[in-house]
Protein backbone atom coordinates (compact mmCIF):
# COMPACT_ATOMS: atom_id res chain seq x y z
CA MET A 1 0.00 0.00 0.00
CA HIS A 2 1.34 3.41 -0.95
CA SER A 3 1.29 6.42 1.27
CA TYR A 4 -0.19 9.40 -0.54
CA LYS A 5 0.25 13.06 0.30
CA PHE A 6 -2.68 15.26 -0.63
CA THR A 7 -2.08 18.42 -2.66
CA TYR A 8 -4.68 20.78 -4.08
CA HIS A 9 -5.37 20.29 -7.77
CA PRO A 10 -5.85 23.46 -9.86
CA VAL A 11 -9.02 22.17 -11.57
CA MET A 12 -10.83 20.51 -8.65
CA GLU A 13 -13.18 22.64 -6.55
CA TYR A 14 -13.01 22.38 -2.75
CA PRO A 15 -16.16 23.73 -1.05
CA ASN A 16 -16.37 23.88 2.74
CA LEU A 17 -18.17 21.01 4.41
CA THR A 18 -20.93 22.86 6.31
CA ASN A 19 -19.48 24.86 9.21
CA SER A 20 -16.66 22.42 9.96
CA GLY A 21 -14.02 24.35 8.02
CA LEU A 22 -13.06 21.18 6.15
CA GLU A 23 -12.55 21.55 2.41
CA VAL A 24 -13.56 18.46 0.47
CA SER A 25 -13.23 17.79 -3.23
CA ARG A 26 -16.44 18.31 -5.17
CA LEU A 27 -15.97 14.86 -6.70
CA GLY A 28 -16.20 12.08 -4.10
CA LEU A 29 -15.19 8.46 -4.53
CA SER A 30 -17.43 5.62 -3.38
CA GLY A 31 -15.10 3.47 -1.36
CA SER A 32 -17.38 0.64 -0.25
CA PRO A 33 -16.06 -1.91 -2.80
CA LEU A 34 -12.41 -0.84 -2.44
CA GLY A 35 -10.27 -3.61 -1.00
CA GLU A 36 -13.30 -5.91 -0.73
CA THR A 37 -14.83 -6.68 -4.12
CA ILE A 38 -12.05 -4.82 -5.94
CA HIS A 39 -8.56 -6.35 -5.58
CA ALA A 40 -6.12 -4.50 -3.29
CA THR A 41 -3.66 -3.71 -6.11
CA THR A 42 -6.44 -2.20 -8.24
CA THR A 43 -7.76 -0.32 -5.20
CA ASP A 44 -4.33 1.19 -4.60
CA ARG A 45 -4.10 2.32 -8.24
CA MET A 46 -7.62 3.79 -8.17
CA LEU A 47 -6.93 5.76 -4.98
CA GLY A 48 -3.69 7.06 -6.48
CA MET A 49 -5.44 8.22 -9.65
CA TYR A 50 -8.23 9.83 -7.60
CA GLN A 51 -5.65 11.72 -5.57
CA ASP A 52 -3.77 12.75 -8.73
CA VAL A 53 -6.87 14.63 -9.91
CA GLY A 54 -7.28 16.30 -6.51
CA GLY A 55 -9.75 14.01 -4.78
CA ASN A 56 -9.72 13.99 -0.99
CA PHE A 57 -13.16 12.61 -0.07
CA VAL A 58 -13.72 8.83 0.01
CA ASP A 59 -17.16 7.70 1.17
CA LYS A 60 -16.73 4.36 2.94
CA ALA A 61 -20.26 4.03 4.36
CA ASN A 62 -21.69 0.51 4.46
CA PHE A 63 -25.30 1.73 4.30
CA TYR A 64 -27.42 4.86 4.55
CA CYS A 65 -30.48 5.46 6.70
CA GLY A 66 -33.35 7.55 5.43
CA THR A 67 -35.67 9.51 7.68
């Protein structure tokens, strides 16, 4: 597994996440299949490519609850 260092990408937008002060990439990556149904080597490559385009938000939720 590689260790990636995040850097801002000039094309990606980074809006604030509510009032938290966190800036997240506008494009998120669904991470639920990563390392599980997608092989670890492929997962590592996908995360690297996502970071290369400025992504910094991986959604790893197992399920969502509606109200």
